[in-house]
Amino acid sequence: MKRAVVIGASGQIGRPVVAALARDGWEVTAASRGGGRDASWDAGVRVVRLDRSDDGAVAAAVGDGCDLVVDVVAYDASHARQLTSLTDRIGSAVVVSSVEVYEDGAGRGFDTMGEPDGFPAYPVPVPESQSAVAPGTATYAARKAALEHELGLAGEKLPTTVLRAGAVHGPYSRLPRELYFVKRNLDGRRERVLAYRGESRFHPASARNIAELVRLAAARPGSRVLNAADGDAPTADEIGAAIDAVMGVRTRTTPVDGPPPGGTVGQTPWSVPRPVVLDMSAAERELGHRPAPYAAGLPETVEWLTRALRERDWRERFPVLARAYPALFDYAAEDAWRARA
C-alpha cells in the first residue's frame, strides 16, 4: 500500500483530499496544527499534529519516507524548502497554489486591484502559460509565486504537481463567499442589487474538485502546473440563482452598470470588473480530469452555512470574511440607495 502525507488535512481542502486518497487505497497520514479528524475519514487514516513553523515537524511526519506529500497550506518559499529538503524521502508531491499568481500583459494582477484601472485584463480563459508575478515576500501573490519557483528548482528530484486554485468553496471555508446569498435569504431579503450587472465572473473551485485533481495527480506523478477550478464559471447573478434554488426561495435582482453604487451597495465577493476564468483543458488532457459544475457542491455548502449561522453571529463565526468585507450586509445602506434611485 502506498503512503501519503497530507499537510493541512483538517481544513477546507484537506478534508476531501484525505477522504479521496483513502478511498483510492492510499495509507494516509493526516497532518494539521490541531490534529483533528473528520467524521468522513476511513478508520485507517492516521492523524498527527504538525506545527508548520517547525521545519523538523514536516520531516517527522514524512518519517522514513512516503510515496506522496500533499500540501494544501503551503504559503511561501520556506514551505517549499521544507519539502525539497526531503527529496530523498518523498516520491512526489501535489501543492496547492493560487490563481492570484497570474498577471496580465500590462503587469496588472491581484496586487494592483486597488489602483486606478488596476484590475487585470486576463485572457478568457486563462491558460497556465499566462505570465506570473515575480516571486517575493511582500504580498500573498508574490509569496505563492516564490513557492512555485522554489518547487520548480527541485526539478525531477521531486516531481510536483502545482494546482492554481480559483475561488475555493465548500464546507469549512474561512472565507465562504456563498454566505452573501445564504444569509440574505435567511434574513428574508428578497431583492438584491448586483454591481457590474451581476455579470462578474470569478471562477469558483470546489474543494471536492480540487481533491479529485489531487487524487489523479497522485496516481500519475509529474512536474506540472495546472489550473484547478469547477467545470463552469457562473456569473454572480447565476451563483445567486443557484443558491436560491437550493434554498427554495425566489428573489428579484436589480442589475447596476459598473462598480457598486454608493459605497458597498451591490458588492458581492465575486464582484469584479473583468472576468477571471481559468482554462481547465490541460487538467483534462494530462490527467483526464472532468470537474463537476459549480452547483453540484452547493447543497452541502448551504447546509453547513445555515447551521453555522444558527450558532453565532457571522462576524464571530467567519472573522476572515468579516475583515475582507466588513459591510457585506449593510441593509440600511441598500434600502437608502433604493429610496434614492
C-alpha atoms as a PDB file:
ATOM      1  CA  MET A   1       0.000   0.000   0.000  1.00  0.00           C
ATOM      2  CA  LYS A   2       1.353   3.432  -0.962  1.00  0.00           C
ATOM      3  CA  ARG A   3       1.720   6.005   1.811  1.00  0.00           C
ATOM      4  CA  ALA A   4       0.629   9.640   1.580  1.00  0.00           C
ATOM      5  CA  VAL A   5       1.075  12.557   3.975  1.00  0.00           C
ATOM      6  CA  VAL A   6      -1.459  15.393   3.726  1.00  0.00           C
ATOM      7  CA  ILE A   7      -0.380  18.713   5.283  1.00  0.00           C
ATOM      8  CA  GLY A   8      -3.304  20.922   6.264  1.00  0.00           C
ATOM      9  CA  ALA A   9      -5.597  17.927   6.479  1.00  0.00           C
ATOM     10  CA  SER A  10      -8.252  19.421   8.767  1.00  0.00           C
ATOM     11  CA  GLY A  11      -9.022  22.408   6.525  1.00  0.00           C
ATOM     12  CA  GLN A  12     -11.484  23.059   3.748  1.00  0.00           C
ATOM     13  CA  ILE A  13      -9.417  21.370   1.017  1.00  0.00           C
ATOM     14  CA  GLY A  14      -7.570  18.898   3.210  1.00  0.00           C
ATOM     15  CA  ARG A  15     -10.664  17.047   4.422  1.00  0.00           C
ATOM     16  CA  PRO A  16     -11.886  15.880   0.998  1.00  0.00           C
ATOM     17  CA  VAL A  17      -8.282  15.267  -0.128  1.00  0.00           C
ATOM     18  CA  VAL A  18      -7.694  12.799   2.719  1.00  0.00           C
ATOM     19  CA  ALA A  19     -11.014  11.091   2.007  1.00  0.00           C
ATOM     20  CA  ALA A  20     -10.312  10.822  -1.740  1.00  0.00           C
ATOM     21  CA  LEU A  21      -6.862   9.323  -1.262  1.00  0.00           C
ATOM     22  CA  ALA A  22      -8.080   6.860   1.370  1.00  0.00           C
ATOM     23  CA  ARG A  23     -10.863   5.693  -0.957  1.00  0.00           C
ATOM     24  CA  ASP A  24      -8.242   5.215  -3.674  1.00  0.00           C
ATOM     25  CA  GLY A  25      -6.291   2.804  -1.493  1.00  0.00           C
ATOM     26  CA  TRP A  26      -3.637   5.092  -0.029  1.00  0.00           C
ATOM     27  CA  GLU A  27      -2.419   4.756   3.535  1.00  0.00           C
ATOM     28  CA  VAL A  28      -2.917   8.356   4.644  1.00  0.00           C
ATOM     29  CA  THR A  29      -1.297  10.370   7.425  1.00  0.00           C
ATOM     30  CA  ALA A  30      -3.455  13.448   8.044  1.00  0.00           C
ATOM     31  CA  ALA A  31      -1.287  16.233   9.493  1.00  0.00           C
ATOM     32  CA  SER A  32      -2.652  19.515  10.848  1.00  0.00           C
ATOM     33  CA  ARG A  33      -1.987  22.031  13.592  1.00  0.00           C
ATOM     34  CA  GLY A  34      -4.844  20.741  15.723  1.00  0.00           C
ATOM     35  CA  GLY A  35      -4.524  17.099  14.759  1.00  0.00           C
ATOM     36  CA  GLY A  36      -8.262  16.857  14.126  1.00  0.00           C
ATOM     37  CA  ARG A  37     -10.153  14.022  12.454  1.00  0.00           C
ATOM     38  CA  ASP A  38     -13.054  14.348  10.045  1.00  0.00           C
ATOM     39  CA  ALA A  39     -16.013  12.067  10.598  1.00  0.00           C
ATOM     40  CA  SER A  40     -15.981  11.035   6.937  1.00  0.00           C
ATOM     41  CA  TRP A  41     -12.459   9.635   7.023  1.00  0.00           C
ATOM     42  CA  ASP A  42     -11.734   5.942   6.953  1.00  0.00           C
ATOM     43  CA  ALA A  43     -10.730   4.487  10.316  1.00  0.00           C
ATOM     44  CA  GLY A  44      -7.320   3.641   8.863  1.00  0.00           C
ATOM     45  CA  VAL A  45      -6.366   7.312   8.431  1.00  0.00           C
ATOM     46  CA  ARG A  46      -3.578   8.212  10.862  1.00  0.00           C
ATOM     47  CA  VAL A  47      -3.851  11.653  12.477  1.00  0.00           C
ATOM     48  CA  VAL A  48      -0.864  13.687  13.695  1.00  0.00           C
ATOM     49  CA  ARG A  49      -0.282  17.241  14.931  1.00  0.00           C
ATOM     50  CA  LEU A  50       2.054  19.393  12.842  1.00  0.00           C
ATOM     51  CA  ASP A  51       3.409  22.844  13.653  1.00  0.00           C
ATOM     52  CA  ARG A  52       4.324  24.260  10.251  1.00  0.00           C
ATOM     53  CA  SER A  53       6.697  26.825  11.779  1.00  0.00           C
ATOM     54  CA  ASP A  54       8.875  23.922  12.971  1.00  0.00           C
ATOM     55  CA  ASP A  55      10.893  22.699   9.974  1.00  0.00           C
ATOM     56  CA  GLY A  56      11.528  19.421  11.717  1.00  0.00           C
ATOM     57  CA  ALA A  57       7.807  18.743  12.052  1.00  0.00           C
ATOM     58  CA  VAL A  58       7.363  18.067   8.328  1.00  0.00           C
ATOM     59  CA  ALA A  59      10.364  15.745   8.352  1.00  0.00           C
ATOM     60  CA  ALA A  60       8.887  13.914  11.333  1.00  0.00           C
ATOM     61  CA  ALA A  61       5.535  13.482   9.574  1.00  0.00           C
ATOM     62  CA  VAL A  62       7.268  12.059   6.485  1.00  0.00           C
ATOM     63  CA  GLY A  63       9.305   9.754   8.684  1.00  0.00           C
ATOM     64  CA  ASP A  64      11.483   7.231   6.879  1.00  0.00           C
ATOM     65  CA  GLY A  65       9.733   8.046   3.629  1.00  0.00           C
ATOM     66  CA  CYS A  66       6.441   8.253   1.777  1.00  0.00           C
ATOM     67  CA  ASP A  67       5.265   7.995  -1.799  1.00  0.00           C
ATOM     68  CA  LEU A  68       3.346  11.280  -1.780  1.00  0.00           C
ATOM     69  CA  VAL A  69       3.096  14.566   0.101  1.00  0.00           C
ATOM     70  CA  VAL A  70       0.040  16.732  -0.495  1.00  0.00           C
ATOM     71  CA  ASP A  71       0.453  20.264   0.823  1.00  0.00           C
ATOM     72  CA  VAL A  72      -2.732  22.295   0.756  1.00  0.00           C
ATOM     73  CA  VAL A  73      -1.487  25.100   3.013  1.00  0.00           C
ATOM     74  CA  ALA A  74       1.973  25.847   1.599  1.00  0.00           C
ATOM     75  CA  TYR A  75       2.368  29.610   1.503  1.00  0.00           C
ATOM     76  CA  ASP A  76       5.884  30.661   0.509  1.00  0.00           C
ATOM     77  CA  ALA A  77       9.425  29.638  -0.431  1.00  0.00           C
ATOM     78  CA  SER A  78      10.241  28.456   3.088  1.00  0.00           C
ATOM     79  CA  HIS A  79       7.438  25.900   2.915  1.00  0.00           C
ATOM     80  CA  ALA A  80       8.714  24.719  -0.461  1.00  0.00           C
ATOM     81  CA  ARG A  81      12.173  24.251   1.030  1.00  0.00           C
ATOM     82  CA  GLN A  82      10.698  22.106   3.792  1.00  0.00           C
ATOM     83  CA  LEU A  83       9.596  19.726   1.054  1.00  0.00           C
ATOM     84  CA  THR A  84      12.605  19.950  -1.254  1.00  0.00           C
ATOM     85  CA  SER A  85      14.965  19.214   1.656  1.00  0.00           C
ATOM     86  CA  LEU A  86      13.323  15.783   1.825  1.00  0.00           C
ATOM     87  CA  THR A  87      13.622  14.750  -1.827  1.00  0.00           C
ATOM     88  CA  ASP A  88      15.362  11.537  -0.785  1.00  0.00           C
ATOM     89  CA  ARG A  89      12.303  10.567   1.283  1.00  0.00           C
ATOM     90  CA  ILE A  90       9.362  11.790  -0.850  1.00  0.00           C
ATOM     91  CA  GLY A  91       8.286  10.111  -4.081  1.00  0.00           C
ATOM     92  CA  SER A  92       6.214  13.007  -5.445  1.00  0.00           C
ATOM     93  CA  ALA A  93       4.195  16.000  -4.280  1.00  0.00           C
ATOM     94  CA  VAL A  94       0.997  17.899  -5.018  1.00  0.00           C
ATOM     95  CA  VAL A  95       0.965  21.504  -3.786  1.00  0.00           C
ATOM     96  CA  VAL A  96      -1.933  23.961  -3.858  1.00  0.00           C
ATOM     97  CA  SER A  97      -1.119  27.446  -5.163  1.00  0.00           C
ATOM     98  CA  SER A  98      -3.489  30.184  -6.336  1.00  0.00           C
ATOM     99  CA  VAL A  99      -4.911  31.955  -9.368  1.00  0.00           C
ATOM    100  CA  GLU A 100      -3.537  35.112  -7.768  1.00  0.00           C
ATOM    101  CA  VAL A 101      -0.076  34.421  -9.198  1.00  0.00           C
ATOM    102  CA  TYR A 102      -1.256  35.430 -12.684  1.00  0.00           C
ATOM    103  CA  GLU A 103      -0.653  38.889 -14.142  1.00  0.00           C
ATOM    104  CA  ASP A 104      -1.850  40.348 -17.415  1.00  0.00           C
ATOM    105  CA  GLY A 105       0.176  41.780 -20.293  1.00  0.00           C
ATOM    106  CA  ALA A 106       0.282  45.191 -18.609  1.00  0.00           C
ATOM    107  CA  GLY A 107       1.739  43.847 -15.368  1.00  0.00           C
ATOM    108  CA  ARG A 108      -1.573  44.040 -13.507  1.00  0.00           C
ATOM    109  CA  GLY A 109      -2.663  41.334 -11.105  1.00  0.00           C
ATOM    110  CA  PHE A 110      -4.468  40.833  -7.821  1.00  0.00           C
ATOM    111  CA  ASP A 111      -1.909  43.068  -6.095  1.00  0.00           C
ATOM    112  CA  THR A 112      -2.868  46.065  -8.246  1.00  0.00           C
ATOM    113  CA  MET A 113      -6.649  45.776  -7.898  1.00  0.00           C
ATOM    114  CA  GLY A 114      -6.842  48.777  -5.570  1.00  0.00           C
ATOM    115  CA  GLU A 115      -5.165  51.079  -8.082  1.00  0.00           C
ATOM    116  CA  PRO A 116      -6.986  53.100 -10.780  1.00  0.00           C
ATOM    117  CA  ASP A 117      -7.665  50.681 -13.647  1.00  0.00           C
ATOM    118  CA  GLY A 118      -5.602  48.182 -11.687  1.00  0.00           C
ATOM    119  CA  PHE A 119      -7.788  45.140 -12.175  1.00  0.00           C
ATOM    120  CA  PRO A 120      -6.094  42.721 -14.591  1.00  0.00           C
ATOM    121  CA  ALA A 121      -7.442  42.055 -18.072  1.00  0.00           C
ATOM    122  CA  TYR A 122      -6.775  38.346 -18.381  1.00  0.00           C
ATOM    123  CA  PRO A 123      -7.464  36.305 -21.497  1.00  0.00           C
ATOM    124  CA  VAL A 124     -10.658  34.255 -21.263  1.00  0.00           C
ATOM    125  CA  PRO A 125      -9.918  31.604 -20.290  1.00  0.00           C
ATOM    126  CA  VAL A 126      -6.529  31.950 -18.567  1.00  0.00           C
ATOM    127  CA  PRO A 127      -4.074  29.193 -19.587  1.00  0.00           C
ATOM    128  CA  GLU A 128      -1.257  28.005 -17.348  1.00  0.00           C
ATOM    129  CA  SER A 129       1.188  29.658 -19.767  1.00  0.00           C
ATOM    130  CA  GLN A 130      -0.069  33.110 -18.723  1.00  0.00           C
ATOM    131  CA  SER A 131       2.702  35.195 -17.131  1.00  0.00           C
ATOM    132  CA  ALA A 132       3.017  35.240 -13.352  1.00  0.00           C
ATOM    133  CA  VAL A 133       4.080  37.868 -10.850  1.00  0.00           C
ATOM    134  CA  ALA A 134       7.676  37.957  -9.694  1.00  0.00           C
ATOM    135  CA  PRO A 135       8.492  35.759  -6.698  1.00  0.00           C
ATOM    136  CA  GLY A 136       8.844  37.718  -3.482  1.00  0.00           C
ATOM    137  CA  THR A 137       7.732  38.140   0.115  1.00  0.00           C
ATOM    138  CA  ALA A 138       5.685  41.354   0.116  1.00  0.00           C
ATOM    139  CA  THR A 139       2.257  40.004  -0.887  1.00  0.00           C
ATOM    140  CA  TYR A 140       0.231  36.799  -0.954  1.00  0.00           C
ATOM    141  CA  ALA A 141       0.605  36.551  -4.739  1.00  0.00           C
ATOM    142  CA  ALA A 142       4.368  37.104  -4.617  1.00  0.00           C
ATOM    143  CA  ARG A 143       4.763  34.508  -1.891  1.00  0.00           C
ATOM    144  CA  LYS A 144       2.762  31.937  -3.809  1.00  0.00           C
ATOM    145  CA  ALA A 145       4.920  32.682  -6.873  1.00  0.00           C
ATOM    146  CA  ALA A 146       8.014  32.162  -4.723  1.00  0.00           C
ATOM    147  CA  LEU A 147       6.578  28.852  -3.536  1.00  0.00           C
ATOM    148  CA  GLU A 148       6.122  27.712  -7.121  1.00  0.00           C
ATOM    149  CA  HIS A 149       9.593  28.932  -8.132  1.00  0.00           C
ATOM    150  CA  GLU A 150      11.313  27.098  -5.294  1.00  0.00           C
ATOM    151  CA  LEU A 151       9.465  23.876  -6.056  1.00  0.00           C
ATOM    152  CA  GLY A 152      10.436  24.196  -9.697  1.00  0.00           C
ATOM    153  CA  LEU A 153      14.124  24.321  -8.772  1.00  0.00           C
ATOM    154  CA  ALA A 154      13.886  20.757  -7.456  1.00  0.00           C
ATOM    155  CA  GLY A 155      13.054  19.513 -10.947  1.00  0.00           C
ATOM    156  CA  GLU A 156      12.683  15.770 -11.258  1.00  0.00           C
ATOM    157  CA  LYS A 157      14.257  15.247  -7.835  1.00  0.00           C
ATOM    158  CA  LEU A 158      10.776  15.959  -6.524  1.00  0.00           C
ATOM    159  CA  PRO A 159       8.088  15.618  -9.215  1.00  0.00           C
ATOM    160  CA  THR A 160       5.486  18.163  -8.152  1.00  0.00           C
ATOM    161  CA  THR A 161       2.042  18.987  -9.455  1.00  0.00           C
ATOM    162  CA  VAL A 162       1.211  22.616  -8.617  1.00  0.00           C
ATOM    163  CA  LEU A 163      -2.510  23.406  -8.581  1.00  0.00           C
ATOM    164  CA  ARG A 164      -3.504  27.038  -9.146  1.00  0.00           C
ATOM    165  CA  ALA A 165      -6.875  27.179  -7.452  1.00  0.00           C
ATOM    166  CA  GLY A 166      -9.674  29.603  -8.238  1.00  0.00           C
ATOM    167  CA  ALA A 167     -12.189  30.915  -5.675  1.00  0.00           C
ATOM    168  CA  VAL A 168     -12.301  27.883  -3.387  1.00  0.00           C
ATOM    169  CA  HIS A 169     -15.692  26.946  -1.950  1.00  0.00           C
ATOM    170  CA  GLY A 170     -17.219  24.225   0.174  1.00  0.00           C
ATOM    171  CA  PRO A 171     -17.769  23.423   3.859  1.00  0.00           C
ATOM    172  CA  TYR A 172     -15.189  24.521   6.468  1.00  0.00           C
ATOM    173  CA  SER A 173     -14.162  27.577   4.470  1.00  0.00           C
ATOM    174  CA  ARG A 174     -12.696  30.523   6.353  1.00  0.00           C
ATOM    175  CA  LEU A 175     -13.851  32.797   3.512  1.00  0.00           C
ATOM    176  CA  PRO A 176     -17.245  31.386   2.498  1.00  0.00           C
ATOM    177  CA  ARG A 177     -18.328  33.675  -0.341  1.00  0.00           C
ATOM    178  CA  GLU A 178     -21.650  31.837  -0.588  1.00  0.00           C
ATOM    179  CA  LEU A 179     -22.591  33.306   2.787  1.00  0.00           C
ATOM    180  CA  TYR A 180     -23.510  36.509   0.960  1.00  0.00           C
ATOM    181  CA  PHE A 181     -26.547  34.936  -0.699  1.00  0.00           C
ATOM    182  CA  VAL A 182     -27.316  32.372   2.020  1.00  0.00           C
ATOM    183  CA  LYS A 183     -27.573  34.935   4.817  1.00  0.00           C
ATOM    184  CA  ARG A 184     -29.614  37.354   2.719  1.00  0.00           C
ATOM    185  CA  ASN A 185     -32.109  34.585   2.015  1.00  0.00           C
ATOM    186  CA  LEU A 186     -32.270  33.594   5.670  1.00  0.00           C
ATOM    187  CA  ASP A 187     -32.788  37.261   6.586  1.00  0.00           C
ATOM    188  CA  GLY A 188     -35.752  37.474   4.237  1.00  0.00           C
ATOM    189  CA  ARG A 189     -34.120  39.828   1.725  1.00  0.00           C
ATOM    190  CA  ARG A 190     -35.937  39.015  -1.481  1.00  0.00           C
ATOM    191  CA  GLU A 191     -34.473  41.835  -3.547  1.00  0.00           C
ATOM    192  CA  ARG A 192     -30.798  42.348  -4.257  1.00  0.00           C
ATOM    193  CA  VAL A 193     -28.589  44.809  -6.076  1.00  0.00           C
ATOM    194  CA  LEU A 194     -25.675  43.498  -8.122  1.00  0.00           C
ATOM    195  CA  ALA A 195     -22.852  45.672  -9.425  1.00  0.00           C
ATOM    196  CA  TYR A 196     -21.459  45.126 -12.938  1.00  0.00           C
ATOM    197  CA  ARG A 197     -24.998  43.983 -13.858  1.00  0.00           C
ATOM    198  CA  GLY A 198     -24.362  40.761 -11.948  1.00  0.00           C
ATOM    199  CA  GLU A 199     -22.187  39.578 -14.838  1.00  0.00           C
ATOM    200  CA  SER A 200     -18.913  39.340 -12.869  1.00  0.00           C
ATOM    201  CA  ARG A 201     -17.151  36.008 -13.172  1.00  0.00           C
ATOM    202  CA  PHE A 202     -14.511  34.856 -10.687  1.00  0.00           C
ATOM    203  CA  HIS A 203     -14.036  31.167 -11.426  1.00  0.00           C
ATOM    204  CA  PRO A 204     -15.034  29.077  -8.388  1.00  0.00           C
ATOM    205  CA  ALA A 205     -13.177  25.933  -7.352  1.00  0.00           C
ATOM    206  CA  SER A 206     -14.933  23.291  -5.293  1.00  0.00           C
ATOM    207  CA  ALA A 207     -12.767  21.701  -2.613  1.00  0.00           C
ATOM    208  CA  ARG A 208     -14.039  18.351  -3.875  1.00  0.00           C
ATOM    209  CA  ASN A 209     -12.957  19.133  -7.452  1.00  0.00           C
ATOM    210  CA  ILE A 210      -9.518  20.048  -6.131  1.00  0.00           C
ATOM    211  CA  ALA A 211      -9.413  16.799  -4.157  1.00  0.00           C
ATOM    212  CA  GLU A 212     -10.194  14.841  -7.318  1.00  0.00           C
ATOM    213  CA  LEU A 213      -7.350  16.608  -9.114  1.00  0.00           C
ATOM    214  CA  VAL A 214      -5.039  15.655  -6.237  1.00  0.00           C
ATOM    215  CA  ARG A 215      -6.149  12.031  -6.490  1.00  0.00           C
ATOM    216  CA  LEU A 216      -5.481  11.918 -10.221  1.00  0.00           C
ATOM    217  CA  ALA A 217      -2.094  13.645  -9.926  1.00  0.00           C
ATOM    218  CA  ALA A 218      -1.087  11.256  -7.142  1.00  0.00           C
ATOM    219  CA  ALA A 219      -1.700   8.317  -9.452  1.00  0.00           C
ATOM    220  CA  ARG A 220       0.303   9.946 -12.238  1.00  0.00           C
ATOM    221  CA  PRO A 221       3.270  11.814 -10.690  1.00  0.00           C
ATOM    222  CA  GLY A 222       4.985  14.516 -12.710  1.00  0.00           C
ATOM    223  CA  SER A 223       6.300  18.052 -12.737  1.00  0.00           C
ATOM    224  CA  ARG A 224       3.462  20.262 -13.954  1.00  0.00           C
ATOM    225  CA  VAL A 225       1.362  23.343 -13.224  1.00  0.00           C
ATOM    226  CA  LEU A 226      -2.403  23.006 -13.610  1.00  0.00           C
ATOM    227  CA  ASN A 227      -5.369  25.271 -13.076  1.00  0.00           C
ATOM    228  CA  ALA A 228      -7.863  24.000 -10.518  1.00  0.00           C
ATOM    229  CA  ALA A 229     -11.469  25.151 -10.830  1.00  0.00           C
ATOM    230  CA  ASP A 230     -15.015  23.953 -11.418  1.00  0.00           C
ATOM    231  CA  GLY A 231     -16.421  22.738 -14.702  1.00  0.00           C
ATOM    232  CA  ASP A 232     -18.124  26.098 -15.263  1.00  0.00           C
ATOM    233  CA  ALA A 233     -17.609  29.744 -14.323  1.00  0.00           C
ATOM    234  CA  PRO A 234     -21.041  31.161 -13.430  1.00  0.00           C
ATOM    235  CA  THR A 235     -21.716  34.870 -13.096  1.00  0.00           C
ATOM    236  CA  ALA A 236     -22.505  36.431  -9.724  1.00  0.00           C
ATOM    237  CA  ASP A 237     -26.159  36.528 -10.709  1.00  0.00           C
ATOM    238  CA  GLU A 238     -26.105  32.856 -11.707  1.00  0.00           C
ATOM    239  CA  ILE A 239     -24.466  31.926  -8.404  1.00  0.00           C
ATOM    240  CA  GLY A 240     -27.224  33.752  -6.533  1.00  0.00           C
ATOM    241  CA  ALA A 241     -29.885  31.966  -8.587  1.00  0.00           C
ATOM    242  CA  ALA A 242     -28.260  28.568  -7.918  1.00  0.00           C
ATOM    243  CA  ILE A 243     -28.227  29.218  -4.167  1.00  0.00           C
ATOM    244  CA  ASP A 244     -31.848  30.393  -4.321  1.00  0.00           C
ATOM    245  CA  ALA A 245     -32.758  27.098  -5.976  1.00  0.00           C
ATOM    246  CA  VAL A 246     -31.087  25.068  -3.235  1.00  0.00           C
ATOM    247  CA  MET A 247     -32.847  27.113  -0.542  1.00  0.00           C
ATOM    248  CA  GLY A 248     -36.205  27.127  -2.306  1.00  0.00           C
ATOM    249  CA  VAL A 249     -36.632  30.912  -2.445  1.00  0.00           C
ATOM    250  CA  ARG A 250     -37.262  33.460  -5.172  1.00  0.00           C
ATOM    251  CA  THR A 251     -35.526  36.812  -5.389  1.00  0.00           C
ATOM    252  CA  ARG A 252     -35.504  39.777  -7.728  1.00  0.00           C
ATOM    253  CA  THR A 253     -32.240  41.290  -8.941  1.00  0.00           C
ATOM    254  CA  THR A 254     -31.592  44.932  -9.730  1.00  0.00           C
ATOM    255  CA  PRO A 255     -28.554  44.998 -12.033  1.00  0.00           C
ATOM    256  CA  VAL A 256     -26.369  48.108 -11.872  1.00  0.00           C
ATOM    257  CA  ASP A 257     -23.913  49.175 -14.546  1.00  0.00           C
ATOM    258  CA  GLY A 258     -20.358  49.488 -13.322  1.00  0.00           C
ATOM    259  CA  PRO A 259     -18.984  49.293  -9.777  1.00  0.00           C
ATOM    260  CA  PRO A 260     -21.059  49.307  -6.567  1.00  0.00           C
ATOM    261  CA  PRO A 261     -23.140  52.493  -6.419  1.00  0.00           C
ATOM    262  CA  GLY A 262     -22.651  54.462  -3.247  1.00  0.00           C
ATOM    263  CA  GLY A 263     -20.149  52.531  -1.154  1.00  0.00           C
ATOM    264  CA  THR A 264     -20.646  48.791  -0.919  1.00  0.00           C
ATOM    265  CA  VAL A 265     -24.236  48.553  -2.178  1.00  0.00           C
ATOM    266  CA  GLY A 266     -24.291  45.848  -4.845  1.00  0.00           C
ATOM    267  CA  GLN A 267     -20.901  44.442  -3.898  1.00  0.00           C
ATOM    268  CA  THR A 268     -20.522  40.679  -3.585  1.00  0.00           C
ATOM    269  CA  PRO A 269     -17.427  38.529  -3.011  1.00  0.00           C
ATOM    270  CA  TRP A 270     -17.466  37.807  -6.759  1.00  0.00           C
ATOM    271  CA  SER A 271     -17.884  41.427  -7.933  1.00  0.00           C
ATOM    272  CA  VAL A 272     -15.015  42.073 -10.336  1.00  0.00           C
ATOM    273  CA  PRO A 273     -14.915  44.477 -13.294  1.00  0.00           C
ATOM    274  CA  ARG A 274     -13.277  41.950 -15.618  1.00  0.00           C
ATOM    275  CA  PRO A 275     -13.647  38.157 -15.775  1.00  0.00           C
ATOM    276  CA  VAL A 276     -11.263  35.713 -14.104  1.00  0.00           C
ATOM    277  CA  VAL A 277     -11.924  32.408 -15.854  1.00  0.00           C
ATOM    278  CA  LEU A 278      -9.447  29.530 -15.798  1.00  0.00           C
ATOM    279  CA  ASP A 279      -8.684  27.215 -18.720  1.00  0.00           C
ATOM    280  CA  MET A 280      -9.208  23.648 -17.464  1.00  0.00           C
ATOM    281  CA  SER A 281      -8.244  21.860 -20.672  1.00  0.00           C
ATOM    282  CA  ALA A 282      -4.703  20.966 -19.501  1.00  0.00           C
ATOM    283  CA  ALA A 283      -6.046  19.120 -16.441  1.00  0.00           C
ATOM    284  CA  GLU A 284      -8.327  17.077 -18.680  1.00  0.00           C
ATOM    285  CA  ARG A 285      -5.622  16.458 -21.238  1.00  0.00           C
ATOM    286  CA  GLU A 286      -2.926  15.396 -18.765  1.00  0.00           C
ATOM    287  CA  LEU A 287      -4.958  13.696 -16.039  1.00  0.00           C
ATOM    288  CA  GLY A 288      -8.361  13.025 -17.562  1.00  0.00           C
ATOM    289  CA  HIS A 289      -9.941  15.418 -15.043  1.00  0.00           C
ATOM    290  CA  ARG A 290     -13.516  16.497 -15.727  1.00  0.00           C
ATOM    291  CA  PRO A 291     -14.555  18.774 -12.878  1.00  0.00           C
ATOM    292  CA  ALA A 292     -18.125  18.859 -11.641  1.00  0.00           C
ATOM    293  CA  PRO A 293     -20.123  22.053 -12.213  1.00  0.00           C
ATOM    294  CA  TYR A 294     -20.334  24.719  -9.521  1.00  0.00           C
ATOM    295  CA  ALA A 295     -23.901  23.904  -8.469  1.00  0.00           C
ATOM    296  CA  ALA A 296     -23.036  20.282  -7.667  1.00  0.00           C
ATOM    297  CA  GLY A 297     -21.353  21.259  -4.414  1.00  0.00           C
ATOM    298  CA  LEU A 298     -23.904  23.818  -3.257  1.00  0.00           C
ATOM    299  CA  PRO A 299     -26.317  21.694  -1.174  1.00  0.00           C
ATOM    300  CA  GLU A 300     -23.719  20.676   1.404  1.00  0.00           C
ATOM    301  CA  THR A 301     -22.264  24.193   1.486  1.00  0.00           C
ATOM    302  CA  VAL A 302     -25.666  25.802   2.037  1.00  0.00           C
ATOM    303  CA  GLU A 303     -26.495  23.291   4.783  1.00  0.00           C
ATOM    304  CA  TRP A 304     -23.158  23.913   6.510  1.00  0.00           C
ATOM    305  CA  LEU A 305     -23.533  27.700   6.339  1.00  0.00           C
ATOM    306  CA  THR A 306     -27.122  27.605   7.564  1.00  0.00           C
ATOM    307  CA  ARG A 307     -26.053  25.552  10.565  1.00  0.00           C
ATOM    308  CA  ALA A 308     -23.104  27.858  11.242  1.00  0.00           C
ATOM    309  CA  LEU A 309     -25.335  30.946  11.258  1.00  0.00           C
ATOM    310  CA  ARG A 310     -27.534  29.373  13.905  1.00  0.00           C
ATOM    311  CA  GLU A 311     -24.555  29.039  16.229  1.00  0.00           C
ATOM    312  CA  ARG A 312     -23.379  32.672  16.384  1.00  0.00           C
ATOM    313  CA  ASP A 313     -23.069  36.000  14.594  1.00  0.00           C
ATOM    314  CA  TRP A 314     -21.476  35.754  11.162  1.00  0.00           C
ATOM    315  CA  ARG A 315     -18.649  38.113  12.120  1.00  0.00           C
ATOM    316  CA  GLU A 316     -17.642  35.895  15.018  1.00  0.00           C
ATOM    317  CA  ARG A 317     -18.047  32.691  13.046  1.00  0.00           C
ATOM    318  CA  PHE A 318     -16.183  33.941   9.965  1.00  0.00           C
ATOM    319  CA  PRO A 319     -13.746  36.684  11.055  1.00  0.00           C
ATOM    320  CA  VAL A 320     -11.631  36.387   7.892  1.00  0.00           C
ATOM    321  CA  LEU A 321     -14.671  37.101   5.722  1.00  0.00           C
ATOM    322  CA  ALA A 322     -15.735  39.930   8.031  1.00  0.00           C
ATOM    323  CA  ARG A 323     -12.338  41.608   7.716  1.00  0.00           C
ATOM    324  CA  ALA A 324     -12.389  41.280   3.927  1.00  0.00           C
ATOM    325  CA  TYR A 325     -15.976  42.525   3.579  1.00  0.00           C
ATOM    326  CA  PRO A 326     -16.936  44.423   6.760  1.00  0.00           C
ATOM    327  CA  ALA A 327     -20.090  45.941   5.240  1.00  0.00           C
ATOM    328  CA  LEU A 328     -21.289  42.838   3.423  1.00  0.00           C
ATOM    329  CA  PHE A 329     -24.771  43.018   4.954  1.00  0.00           C
ATOM    330  CA  ASP A 330     -25.377  46.758   5.245  1.00  0.00           C
ATOM    331  CA  TYR A 331     -29.089  46.523   4.573  1.00  0.00           C
ATOM    332  CA  ALA A 332     -29.719  50.086   5.765  1.00  0.00           C
ATOM    333  CA  ALA A 333     -27.381  51.484   3.109  1.00  0.00           C
ATOM    334  CA  GLU A 334     -29.006  49.324   0.470  1.00  0.00           C
ATOM    335  CA  ASP A 335     -32.511  50.444   1.458  1.00  0.00           C
ATOM    336  CA  ALA A 336     -31.405  54.080   1.448  1.00  0.00           C
ATOM    337  CA  TRP A 337     -29.948  53.693  -2.052  1.00  0.00           C
ATOM    338  CA  ARG A 338     -33.162  52.129  -3.288  1.00  0.00           C
ATOM    339  CA  ALA A 339     -35.149  55.030  -1.831  1.00  0.00           C
ATOM    340  CA  ARG A 340     -32.987  57.493  -3.767  1.00  0.00           C
ATOM    341  CA  ALA A 341     -32.853  55.506  -7.005  1.00  0.00           C
END
